[in-house]
């Protein structure tokens, strides 16, 4: 059973449900003047959308699945994406 669980965890695909748009991100970050929020918004504007961010987050968060995807883990991955 453990081998099956390890296999399933290592082959699990993370995807996001919904229709997140650049305008939605702008609205979510409207009152956030943090450096991370500004960097993320600048990166998304440069890329003209959120599609690349969503793919990168899904890939990077894959390693957190066994221990759980926490808000802190998600924030860290978004910060790393914005800075890359």
PDB file of N, CA and C in Angstrom:
ATOM      1  N   UNK A   1       0.819  -1.187   0.000  1.00  0.00           N
ATOM      2  CA  UNK A   1       0.000   0.000   0.000  1.00  0.00           C
ATOM      3  C   UNK A   1       0.872   1.264   0.000  1.00  0.00           C
ATOM      4  N   UNK A   2       1.973   1.243   0.755  1.00  0.00           N
ATOM      5  CA  UNK A   2       2.844   2.420   0.820  1.00  0.00           C
ATOM      6  C   UNK A   2       3.443   2.763  -0.541  1.00  0.00           C
ATOM      7  N   UNK A   3       3.820   1.730  -1.281  1.00  0.00           N
ATOM      8  CA  UNK A   3       4.388   1.983  -2.607  1.00  0.00           C
ATOM      9  C   UNK A   3       3.347   2.597  -3.532  1.00  0.00           C
ATOM     10  N   UNK A   4       2.120   2.136  -3.437  1.00  0.00           N
ATOM     11  CA  UNK A   4       1.043   2.692  -4.247  1.00  0.00           C
ATOM     12  C   UNK A   4       0.811   4.158  -3.887  1.00  0.00           C
ATOM     13  N   UNK A   5       0.792   4.455  -2.604  1.00  0.00           N
ATOM     14  CA  UNK A   5       0.588   5.835  -2.155  1.00  0.00           C
ATOM     15  C   UNK A   5       1.721   6.722  -2.647  1.00  0.00           C
ATOM     16  N   UNK A   6       2.960   6.260  -2.539  1.00  0.00           N
ATOM     17  CA  UNK A   6       4.095   7.041  -3.014  1.00  0.00           C
ATOM     18  C   UNK A   6       3.998   7.287  -4.520  1.00  0.00           C
ATOM     19  N   UNK A   7       3.597   6.263  -5.252  1.00  0.00           N
ATOM     20  CA  UNK A   7       3.432   6.420  -6.699  1.00  0.00           C
ATOM     21  C   UNK A   7       2.367   7.474  -6.996  1.00  0.00           C
ATOM     22  N   UNK A   8       1.222   7.362  -6.345  1.00  0.00           N
ATOM     23  CA  UNK A   8       0.135   8.312  -6.593  1.00  0.00           C
ATOM     24  C   UNK A   8       0.541   9.737  -6.230  1.00  0.00           C
ATOM     25  N   UNK A   9       1.234   9.898  -5.111  1.00  0.00           N
ATOM     26  CA  UNK A   9       1.684  11.233  -4.718  1.00  0.00           C
ATOM     27  C   UNK A   9       2.681  11.811  -5.719  1.00  0.00           C
ATOM     28  N   UNK A  10       3.560  10.986  -6.229  1.00  0.00           N
ATOM     29  CA  UNK A  10       4.572  11.488  -7.154  1.00  0.00           C
ATOM     30  C   UNK A  10       4.007  11.742  -8.549  1.00  0.00           C
ATOM     31  N   UNK A  11       2.830  11.214  -8.853  1.00  0.00           N
ATOM     32  CA  UNK A  11       2.231  11.404 -10.168  1.00  0.00           C
ATOM     33  C   UNK A  11       0.956  12.250 -10.121  1.00  0.00           C
ATOM     34  N   UNK A  12       0.681  12.820  -8.991  1.00  0.00           N
ATOM     35  CA  UNK A  12      -0.483  13.681  -8.833  1.00  0.00           C
ATOM     36  C   UNK A  12      -0.253  14.979  -9.594  1.00  0.00           C
ATOM     37  N   UNK A  13      -1.264  15.442 -10.267  1.00  0.00           N
ATOM     38  CA  UNK A  13      -1.166  16.690 -11.018  1.00  0.00           C
ATOM     39  C   UNK A  13      -2.024  17.733 -10.320  1.00  0.00           C
ATOM     40  N   UNK A  14      -1.410  18.877 -10.089  1.00  0.00           N
ATOM     41  CA  UNK A  14      -2.106  19.988  -9.452  1.00  0.00           C
ATOM     42  C   UNK A  14      -2.593  20.934 -10.535  1.00  0.00           C
ATOM     43  N   UNK A  15      -3.836  21.330 -10.435  1.00  0.00           N
ATOM     44  CA  UNK A  15      -4.422  22.252 -11.396  1.00  0.00           C
ATOM     45  C   UNK A  15      -5.301  23.224 -10.625  1.00  0.00           C
ATOM     46  N   UNK A  16      -5.554  24.374 -11.215  1.00  0.00           N
ATOM     47  CA  UNK A  16      -6.403  25.372 -10.581  1.00  0.00           C
ATOM     48  C   UNK A  16      -7.727  25.452 -11.319  1.00  0.00           C
ATOM     49  N   UNK A  17      -8.786  25.451 -10.560  1.00  0.00           N
ATOM     50  CA  UNK A  17     -10.119  25.585 -11.127  1.00  0.00           C
ATOM     51  C   UNK A  17     -10.490  27.057 -11.092  1.00  0.00           C
ATOM     52  N   UNK A  18     -11.076  27.541 -12.125  1.00  0.00           N
ATOM     53  CA  UNK A  18     -11.499  28.929 -12.135  1.00  0.00           C
ATOM     54  C   UNK A  18     -10.955  29.680 -13.319  1.00  0.00           C
ATOM     55  N   UNK A  19     -11.316  30.926 -13.361  1.00  0.00           N
ATOM     56  CA  UNK A  19     -10.959  31.746 -14.518  1.00  0.00           C
ATOM     57  C   UNK A  19     -10.251  33.014 -14.060  1.00  0.00           C
ATOM     58  N   UNK A  20      -9.148  32.831 -13.368  1.00  0.00           N
ATOM     59  CA  UNK A  20      -8.387  33.966 -12.872  1.00  0.00           C
ATOM     60  C   UNK A  20      -7.879  34.799 -14.039  1.00  0.00           C
ATOM     61  N   UNK A  21      -8.096  36.103 -13.948  1.00  0.00           N
ATOM     62  CA  UNK A  21      -7.645  37.020 -14.988  1.00  0.00           C
ATOM     63  C   UNK A  21      -6.716  38.050 -14.375  1.00  0.00           C
ATOM     64  N   UNK A  22      -6.023  38.765 -15.229  1.00  0.00           N
ATOM     65  CA  UNK A  22      -5.150  39.836 -14.771  1.00  0.00           C
ATOM     66  C   UNK A  22      -5.963  40.911 -14.043  1.00  0.00           C
ATOM     67  N   UNK A  23      -7.150  41.199 -14.538  1.00  0.00           N
ATOM     68  CA  UNK A  23      -8.005  42.187 -13.864  1.00  0.00           C
ATOM     69  C   UNK A  23      -8.401  41.724 -12.466  1.00  0.00           C
ATOM     70  N   UNK A  24      -8.664  40.440 -12.305  1.00  0.00           N
ATOM     71  CA  UNK A  24      -9.003  39.908 -10.982  1.00  0.00           C
ATOM     72  C   UNK A  24      -7.816  40.055 -10.037  1.00  0.00           C
ATOM     73  N   UNK A  25      -6.612  39.743 -10.530  1.00  0.00           N
ATOM     74  CA  UNK A  25      -5.416  39.872  -9.697  1.00  0.00           C
ATOM     75  C   UNK A  25      -5.232  41.328  -9.287  1.00  0.00           C
ATOM     76  N   UNK A  26      -5.424  42.235 -10.228  1.00  0.00           N
ATOM     77  CA  UNK A  26      -5.330  43.664  -9.894  1.00  0.00           C
ATOM     78  C   UNK A  26      -6.285  44.024  -8.765  1.00  0.00           C
ATOM     79  N   UNK A  27      -7.508  43.515  -8.846  1.00  0.00           N
ATOM     80  CA  UNK A  27      -8.500  43.804  -7.808  1.00  0.00           C
ATOM     81  C   UNK A  27      -8.090  43.195  -6.470  1.00  0.00           C
ATOM     82  N   UNK A  28      -7.597  41.965  -6.492  1.00  0.00           N
ATOM     83  CA  UNK A  28      -7.155  41.324  -5.250  1.00  0.00           C
ATOM     84  C   UNK A  28      -6.011  42.094  -4.597  1.00  0.00           C
ATOM     85  N   UNK A  29      -5.149  42.661  -5.413  1.00  0.00           N
ATOM     86  CA  UNK A  29      -3.956  43.349  -4.900  1.00  0.00           C
ATOM     87  C   UNK A  29      -4.143  44.863  -4.768  1.00  0.00           C
ATOM     88  N   UNK A  30      -5.320  45.350  -5.054  1.00  0.00           N
ATOM     89  CA  UNK A  30      -5.583  46.787  -5.085  1.00  0.00           C
ATOM     90  C   UNK A  30      -5.133  47.514  -3.831  1.00  0.00           C
ATOM     91  N   UNK A  31      -5.363  46.956  -2.673  1.00  0.00           N
ATOM     92  CA  UNK A  31      -5.007  47.618  -1.419  1.00  0.00           C
ATOM     93  C   UNK A  31      -3.701  47.099  -0.811  1.00  0.00           C
ATOM     94  N   UNK A  32      -3.021  46.245  -1.532  1.00  0.00           N
ATOM     95  CA  UNK A  32      -1.768  45.669  -1.037  1.00  0.00           C
ATOM     96  C   UNK A  32      -0.597  46.423  -1.656  1.00  0.00           C
ATOM     97  N   UNK A  33       0.076  47.219  -0.860  1.00  0.00           N
ATOM     98  CA  UNK A  33       1.202  48.010  -1.345  1.00  0.00           C
ATOM     99  C   UNK A  33       2.553  47.364  -1.042  1.00  0.00           C
ATOM    100  N   UNK A  34       2.536  46.072  -0.733  1.00  0.00           N
ATOM    101  CA  UNK A  34       3.788  45.390  -0.403  1.00  0.00           C
ATOM    102  C   UNK A  34       4.670  45.254  -1.639  1.00  0.00           C
ATOM    103  N   UNK A  35       5.942  45.077  -1.381  1.00  0.00           N
ATOM    104  CA  UNK A  35       6.912  44.875  -2.458  1.00  0.00           C
ATOM    105  C   UNK A  35       6.560  43.634  -3.275  1.00  0.00           C
ATOM    106  N   UNK A  36       6.135  42.565  -2.595  1.00  0.00           N
ATOM    107  CA  UNK A  36       5.783  41.325  -3.292  1.00  0.00           C
ATOM    108  C   UNK A  36       4.596  41.532  -4.225  1.00  0.00           C
ATOM    109  N   UNK A  37       3.590  42.254  -3.765  1.00  0.00           N
ATOM    110  CA  UNK A  37       2.406  42.496  -4.588  1.00  0.00           C
ATOM    111  C   UNK A  37       2.772  43.328  -5.821  1.00  0.00           C
ATOM    112  N   UNK A  38       3.576  44.342  -5.632  1.00  0.00           N
ATOM    113  CA  UNK A  38       3.990  45.192  -6.760  1.00  0.00           C
ATOM    114  C   UNK A  38       4.826  44.396  -7.760  1.00  0.00           C
ATOM    115  N   UNK A  39       5.726  43.562  -7.247  1.00  0.00           N
ATOM    116  CA  UNK A  39       6.572  42.753  -8.134  1.00  0.00           C
ATOM    117  C   UNK A  39       5.735  41.756  -8.926  1.00  0.00           C
ATOM    118  N   UNK A  40       4.782  41.127  -8.262  1.00  0.00           N
ATOM    119  CA  UNK A  40       3.930  40.162  -8.947  1.00  0.00           C
ATOM    120  C   UNK A  40       3.110  40.851 -10.030  1.00  0.00           C
ATOM    121  N   UNK A  41       2.502  41.955  -9.706  1.00  0.00           N
ATOM    122  CA  UNK A  41       1.685  42.655 -10.684  1.00  0.00           C
ATOM    123  C   UNK A  41       2.526  43.114 -11.874  1.00  0.00           C
ATOM    124  N   UNK A  42       3.725  43.609 -11.615  1.00  0.00           N
ATOM    125  CA  UNK A  42       4.607  44.028 -12.704  1.00  0.00           C
ATOM    126  C   UNK A  42       4.937  42.844 -13.611  1.00  0.00           C
ATOM    127  N   UNK A  43       5.220  41.709 -13.017  1.00  0.00           N
ATOM    128  CA  UNK A  43       5.552  40.514 -13.806  1.00  0.00           C
ATOM    129  C   UNK A  43       4.360  40.072 -14.645  1.00  0.00           C
ATOM    130  N   UNK A  44       3.174  40.079 -14.060  1.00  0.00           N
ATOM    131  CA  UNK A  44       1.981  39.646 -14.791  1.00  0.00           C
ATOM    132  C   UNK A  44       1.629  40.607 -15.914  1.00  0.00           C
ATOM    133  N   UNK A  45       1.818  41.891 -15.692  1.00  0.00           N
ATOM    134  CA  UNK A  45       1.571  42.878 -16.749  1.00  0.00           C
ATOM    135  C   UNK A  45       2.565  42.672 -17.883  1.00  0.00           C
ATOM    136  N   UNK A  46       3.821  42.438 -17.528  1.00  0.00           N
ATOM    137  CA  UNK A  46       4.850  42.181 -18.538  1.00  0.00           C
ATOM    138  C   UNK A  46       4.511  40.955 -19.371  1.00  0.00           C
ATOM    139  N   UNK A  47       3.962  39.929 -18.721  1.00  0.00           N
ATOM    140  CA  UNK A  47       3.610  38.688 -19.419  1.00  0.00           C
ATOM    141  C   UNK A  47       2.224  38.735 -20.053  1.00  0.00           C
ATOM    142  N   UNK A  48       1.500  39.810 -19.790  1.00  0.00           N
ATOM    143  CA  UNK A  48       0.164  40.023 -20.346  1.00  0.00           C
ATOM    144  C   UNK A  48      -0.836  38.950 -19.955  1.00  0.00           C
ATOM    145  N   UNK A  49      -0.765  38.511 -18.707  1.00  0.00           N
ATOM    146  CA  UNK A  49      -1.739  37.541 -18.231  1.00  0.00           C
ATOM    147  C   UNK A  49      -1.207  36.687 -17.107  1.00  0.00           C
ATOM    148  N   UNK A  50      -2.040  35.786 -16.644  1.00  0.00           N
ATOM    149  CA  UNK A  50      -1.714  34.963 -15.483  1.00  0.00           C
ATOM    150  C   UNK A  50      -1.419  33.507 -15.835  1.00  0.00           C
ATOM    151  N   UNK A  51      -1.531  33.150 -17.101  1.00  0.00           N
ATOM    152  CA  UNK A  51      -1.403  31.747 -17.484  1.00  0.00           C
ATOM    153  C   UNK A  51      -0.054  31.150 -17.092  1.00  0.00           C
ATOM    154  N   UNK A  52       1.039  31.863 -17.391  1.00  0.00           N
ATOM    155  CA  UNK A  52       2.373  31.346 -17.050  1.00  0.00           C
ATOM    156  C   UNK A  52       2.533  31.195 -15.543  1.00  0.00           C
ATOM    157  N   UNK A  53       1.993  32.142 -14.777  1.00  0.00           N
ATOM    158  CA  UNK A  53       2.072  32.053 -13.315  1.00  0.00           C
ATOM    159  C   UNK A  53       1.338  30.811 -12.815  1.00  0.00           C
ATOM    160  N   UNK A  54       0.167  30.559 -13.363  1.00  0.00           N
ATOM    161  CA  UNK A  54      -0.626  29.420 -12.902  1.00  0.00           C
ATOM    162  C   UNK A  54       0.090  28.091 -13.181  1.00  0.00           C
ATOM    163  N   UNK A  55       0.710  27.979 -14.331  1.00  0.00           N
ATOM    164  CA  UNK A  55       1.451  26.761 -14.671  1.00  0.00           C
ATOM    165  C   UNK A  55       2.658  26.613 -13.749  1.00  0.00           C
ATOM    166  N   UNK A  56       3.393  27.705 -13.545  1.00  0.00           N
ATOM    167  CA  UNK A  56       4.573  27.655 -12.674  1.00  0.00           C
ATOM    168  C   UNK A  56       4.185  27.309 -11.240  1.00  0.00           C
ATOM    169  N   UNK A  57       3.112  27.888 -10.748  1.00  0.00           N
ATOM    170  CA  UNK A  57       2.678  27.576  -9.379  1.00  0.00           C
ATOM    171  C   UNK A  57       2.284  26.113  -9.245  1.00  0.00           C
ATOM    172  N   UNK A  58       1.551  25.615 -10.203  1.00  0.00           N
ATOM    173  CA  UNK A  58       1.143  24.205 -10.149  1.00  0.00           C
ATOM    174  C   UNK A  58       2.372  23.304 -10.114  1.00  0.00           C
ATOM    175  N   UNK A  59       3.364  23.612 -10.934  1.00  0.00           N
ATOM    176  CA  UNK A  59       4.589  22.804 -10.951  1.00  0.00           C
ATOM    177  C   UNK A  59       5.348  22.902  -9.630  1.00  0.00           C
ATOM    178  N   UNK A  60       5.524  24.118  -9.125  1.00  0.00           N
ATOM    179  CA  UNK A  60       6.313  24.316  -7.908  1.00  0.00           C
ATOM    180  C   UNK A  60       5.611  23.786  -6.653  1.00  0.00           C
ATOM    181  N   UNK A  61       4.307  23.864  -6.624  1.00  0.00           N
ATOM    182  CA  UNK A  61       3.574  23.404  -5.443  1.00  0.00           C
ATOM    183  C   UNK A  61       3.465  21.887  -5.382  1.00  0.00           C
ATOM    184  N   UNK A  62       3.805  21.230  -6.471  1.00  0.00           N
ATOM    185  CA  UNK A  62       3.767  19.763  -6.518  1.00  0.00           C
ATOM    186  C   UNK A  62       4.544  19.145  -5.360  1.00  0.00           C
ATOM    187  N   UNK A  63       5.699  19.707  -5.041  1.00  0.00           N
ATOM    188  CA  UNK A  63       6.535  19.145  -3.973  1.00  0.00           C
ATOM    189  C   UNK A  63       5.917  19.302  -2.595  1.00  0.00           C
ATOM    190  N   UNK A  64       4.943  20.176  -2.451  1.00  0.00           N
ATOM    191  CA  UNK A  64       4.303  20.404  -1.154  1.00  0.00           C
ATOM    192  C   UNK A  64       3.096  19.494  -0.911  1.00  0.00           C
ATOM    193  N   UNK A  65       2.692  18.752  -1.908  1.00  0.00           N
ATOM    194  CA  UNK A  65       1.491  17.930  -1.777  1.00  0.00           C
ATOM    195  C   UNK A  65       1.580  16.938  -0.614  1.00  0.00           C
ATOM    196  N   UNK A  66       2.671  16.197  -0.456  1.00  0.00           N
ATOM    197  CA  UNK A  66       2.708  15.230   0.656  1.00  0.00           C
ATOM    198  C   UNK A  66       2.585  15.870   2.037  1.00  0.00           C
ATOM    199  N   UNK A  67       3.143  17.064   2.201  1.00  0.00           N
ATOM    200  CA  UNK A  67       3.092  17.695   3.524  1.00  0.00           C
ATOM    201  C   UNK A  67       1.963  18.709   3.638  1.00  0.00           C
ATOM    202  N   UNK A  68       1.370  19.061   2.528  1.00  0.00           N
ATOM    203  CA  UNK A  68       0.263  20.000   2.532  1.00  0.00           C
ATOM    204  C   UNK A  68       0.659  21.335   1.914  1.00  0.00           C
ATOM    205  N   UNK A  69      -0.246  21.870   1.149  1.00  0.00           N
ATOM    206  CA  UNK A  69      -0.023  23.178   0.536  1.00  0.00           C
ATOM    207  C   UNK A  69      -0.632  24.216   1.466  1.00  0.00           C
ATOM    208  N   UNK A  70       0.232  24.952   2.114  1.00  0.00           N
ATOM    209  CA  UNK A  70      -0.211  25.947   3.090  1.00  0.00           C
ATOM    210  C   UNK A  70      -0.215  27.341   2.460  1.00  0.00           C
ATOM    211  N   UNK A  71      -0.912  28.279   3.093  1.00  0.00           N
ATOM    212  CA  UNK A  71      -0.840  29.654   2.592  1.00  0.00           C
ATOM    213  C   UNK A  71       0.596  30.179   2.541  1.00  0.00           C
ATOM    214  N   UNK A  72       1.417  29.819   3.518  1.00  0.00           N
ATOM    215  CA  UNK A  72       2.820  30.265   3.521  1.00  0.00           C
ATOM    216  C   UNK A  72       3.587  29.692   2.336  1.00  0.00           C
ATOM    217  N   UNK A  73       3.356  28.417   2.027  1.00  0.00           N
ATOM    218  CA  UNK A  73       4.033  27.799   0.884  1.00  0.00           C
ATOM    219  C   UNK A  73       3.596  28.470  -0.409  1.00  0.00           C
ATOM    220  N   UNK A  74       2.321  28.756  -0.538  1.00  0.00           N
ATOM    221  CA  UNK A  74       1.812  29.409  -1.735  1.00  0.00           C
ATOM    222  C   UNK A  74       2.379  30.824  -1.860  1.00  0.00           C
ATOM    223  N   UNK A  75       2.416  31.557  -0.766  1.00  0.00           N
ATOM    224  CA  UNK A  75       2.974  32.915  -0.792  1.00  0.00           C
ATOM    225  C   UNK A  75       4.441  32.894  -1.204  1.00  0.00           C
ATOM    226  N   UNK A  76       5.199  31.950  -0.678  1.00  0.00           N
ATOM    227  CA  UNK A  76       6.612  31.842  -1.015  1.00  0.00           C
ATOM    228  C   UNK A  76       6.799  31.553  -2.502  1.00  0.00           C
ATOM    229  N   UNK A  77       5.989  30.659  -3.051  1.00  0.00           N
ATOM    230  CA  UNK A  77       6.115  30.322  -4.465  1.00  0.00           C
ATOM    231  C   UNK A  77       5.719  31.506  -5.350  1.00  0.00           C
ATOM    232  N   UNK A  78       4.702  32.255  -4.960  1.00  0.00           N
ATOM    233  CA  UNK A  78       4.309  33.439  -5.729  1.00  0.00           C
ATOM    234  C   UNK A  78       5.425  34.474  -5.692  1.00  0.00           C
ATOM    235  N   UNK A  79       6.043  34.660  -4.526  1.00  0.00           N
ATOM    236  CA  UNK A  79       7.149  35.607  -4.389  1.00  0.00           C
ATOM    237  C   UNK A  79       8.305  35.187  -5.290  1.00  0.00           C
ATOM    238  N   UNK A  80       8.659  33.915  -5.262  1.00  0.00           N
ATOM    239  CA  UNK A  80       9.752  33.419  -6.097  1.00  0.00           C
ATOM    240  C   UNK A  80       9.432  33.596  -7.581  1.00  0.00           C
ATOM    241  N   UNK A  81       8.186  33.355  -7.951  1.00  0.00           N
ATOM    242  CA  UNK A  81       7.784  33.531  -9.343  1.00  0.00           C
ATOM    243  C   UNK A  81       7.927  34.990  -9.757  1.00  0.00           C
ATOM    244  N   UNK A  82       7.467  35.887  -8.923  1.00  0.00           N
ATOM    245  CA  UNK A  82       7.516  37.312  -9.256  1.00  0.00           C
ATOM    246  C   UNK A  82       8.949  37.807  -9.393  1.00  0.00           C
ATOM    247  N   UNK A  83       9.861  37.245  -8.617  1.00  0.00           N
ATOM    248  CA  UNK A  83      11.249  37.676  -8.639  1.00  0.00           C
ATOM    249  C   UNK A  83      12.087  37.016  -9.716  1.00  0.00           C
ATOM    250  N   UNK A  84      11.583  35.954 -10.296  1.00  0.00           N
ATOM    251  CA  UNK A  84      12.385  35.219 -11.286  1.00  0.00           C
ATOM    252  C   UNK A  84      12.421  35.897 -12.636  1.00  0.00           C
TER     253      UNK A  84
END
